[in-house]
Amino acid sequence: VYIVTYSGQEYEFSFDPVIGLFGWVNRQSDRLPLEIYIAVICNGVGTMGYIAIMKYFDPVVVSMVMLMEPIIATFIGMAVGEST
């Protein structure tokens, strides 16, 4: 709420799927396949990748990469114009 308030984006405390803070709760049939894909494929492959890479790198290096992932994702989002 803090970031949305100071970024100037329009929002409201409702279940509106566009500007509501709880809009993600609304059930829509097109979201379920995407949710399953993200939950199973992306998280599963990502976790297995981190476990597999531990054969070749120290656990400290792997943990630092895992901790830097959100920061790097933010910079990538900023580079393509999707994040501010």
Protein backbone atom coordinates (compact mmCIF):
# COMPACT_ATOMS: atom_id res chain seq x y z
CA VAL A 1 0.00 0.00 0.00
CA TYR A 2 2.90 2.33 0.79
CA ILE A 3 4.44 1.96 -2.67
CA VAL A 4 1.12 2.30 -4.46
CA THR A 5 0.23 5.40 -2.44
CA TYR A 6 3.44 7.26 -3.22
CA SER A 7 3.73 6.11 -6.84
CA GLY A 8 0.54 7.93 -7.81
CA GLN A 9 -1.28 4.83 -9.02
CA GLU A 10 -5.02 4.68 -8.55
CA TYR A 11 -6.19 2.06 -6.03
CA GLU A 12 -9.03 1.27 -3.66
CA PHE A 13 -9.71 -1.20 -0.85
CA SER A 14 -11.97 -3.49 -2.88
CA PHE A 15 -12.07 -6.71 -4.88
CA ASP A 16 -12.03 -4.86 -8.20
CA PRO A 17 -9.73 -6.85 -10.54
CA VAL A 18 -8.21 -3.72 -12.06
CA ILE A 19 -7.55 -1.26 -9.22
CA GLY A 20 -8.62 -3.13 -6.08
CA LEU A 21 -6.00 -4.19 -3.57
CA PHE A 22 -7.76 -7.54 -3.23
CA GLY A 23 -8.50 -8.02 -6.94
CA TRP A 24 -6.21 -11.04 -7.09
CA VAL A 25 -8.79 -12.97 -5.03
CA ASN A 26 -11.38 -12.95 -7.84
CA ARG A 27 -11.76 -16.28 -9.57
CA GLN A 28 -11.24 -16.22 -13.30
CA SER A 29 -10.99 -19.34 -15.44
CA ASP A 30 -8.05 -18.04 -17.47
CA ARG A 31 -5.87 -17.60 -14.36
CA LEU A 32 -5.92 -21.22 -13.15
CA PRO A 33 -3.69 -22.72 -15.90
CA LEU A 34 -1.20 -19.89 -15.45
CA GLU A 35 -1.20 -20.39 -11.68
CA ILE A 36 -0.56 -24.12 -12.05
CA TYR A 37 2.20 -23.49 -14.59
CA ILE A 38 3.97 -20.99 -12.35
CA ALA A 39 3.56 -23.14 -9.24
CA VAL A 40 4.68 -26.43 -10.74
CA ILE A 41 7.01 -25.68 -13.64
CA CYS A 42 8.72 -22.45 -12.64
CA ASN A 43 9.13 -23.17 -8.94
CA GLY A 44 9.94 -26.84 -9.48
CA VAL A 45 12.52 -26.30 -12.19
CA GLY A 46 14.04 -23.35 -10.34
CA THR A 47 14.40 -25.28 -7.10
CA MET A 48 15.83 -28.33 -8.86
CA GLY A 49 18.28 -26.05 -10.66
CA TYR A 50 19.56 -24.62 -7.39
CA ILE A 51 19.91 -28.11 -5.92
CA ALA A 52 21.70 -29.41 -9.04
CA ILE A 53 24.13 -26.50 -9.14
CA MET A 54 25.26 -27.26 -5.58
CA LYS A 55 27.35 -30.08 -7.08
CA TYR A 56 29.57 -27.52 -8.75
CA PHE A 57 29.53 -24.48 -6.43
CA ASP A 58 29.79 -23.90 -2.70
CA PRO A 59 26.49 -23.57 -0.85
CA VAL A 60 27.40 -19.98 0.06
CA VAL A 61 27.59 -19.02 -3.62
CA VAL A 62 24.25 -20.68 -4.35
CA SER A 63 22.58 -18.97 -1.39
CA MET A 64 23.92 -15.57 -2.49
CA VAL A 65 22.54 -16.14 -5.99
CA MET A 66 19.16 -17.07 -4.50
CA LEU A 67 19.12 -13.91 -2.37
CA MET A 68 20.11 -11.69 -5.31
CA GLU A 69 17.37 -13.08 -7.58
CA PRO A 70 14.63 -10.55 -6.62
CA ILE A 71 17.03 -7.62 -7.00
CA ILE A 72 18.21 -8.78 -10.41
CA ALA A 73 14.60 -9.38 -11.47
CA THR A 74 13.76 -5.80 -10.50
CA PHE A 75 16.60 -4.46 -12.62
CA ILE A 76 15.50 -6.61 -15.57
CA GLY A 77 11.95 -5.31 -15.14
CA MET A 78 13.22 -1.75 -15.12
CA ALA A 79 15.29 -2.41 -18.25
CA VAL A 80 12.27 -3.61 -20.22
CA GLY A 81 10.02 -0.88 -18.82
CA GLU A 82 7.72 -3.05 -16.70
CA SER A 83 8.96 -2.02 -13.25
CA THR A 84 9.62 1.36 -11.69
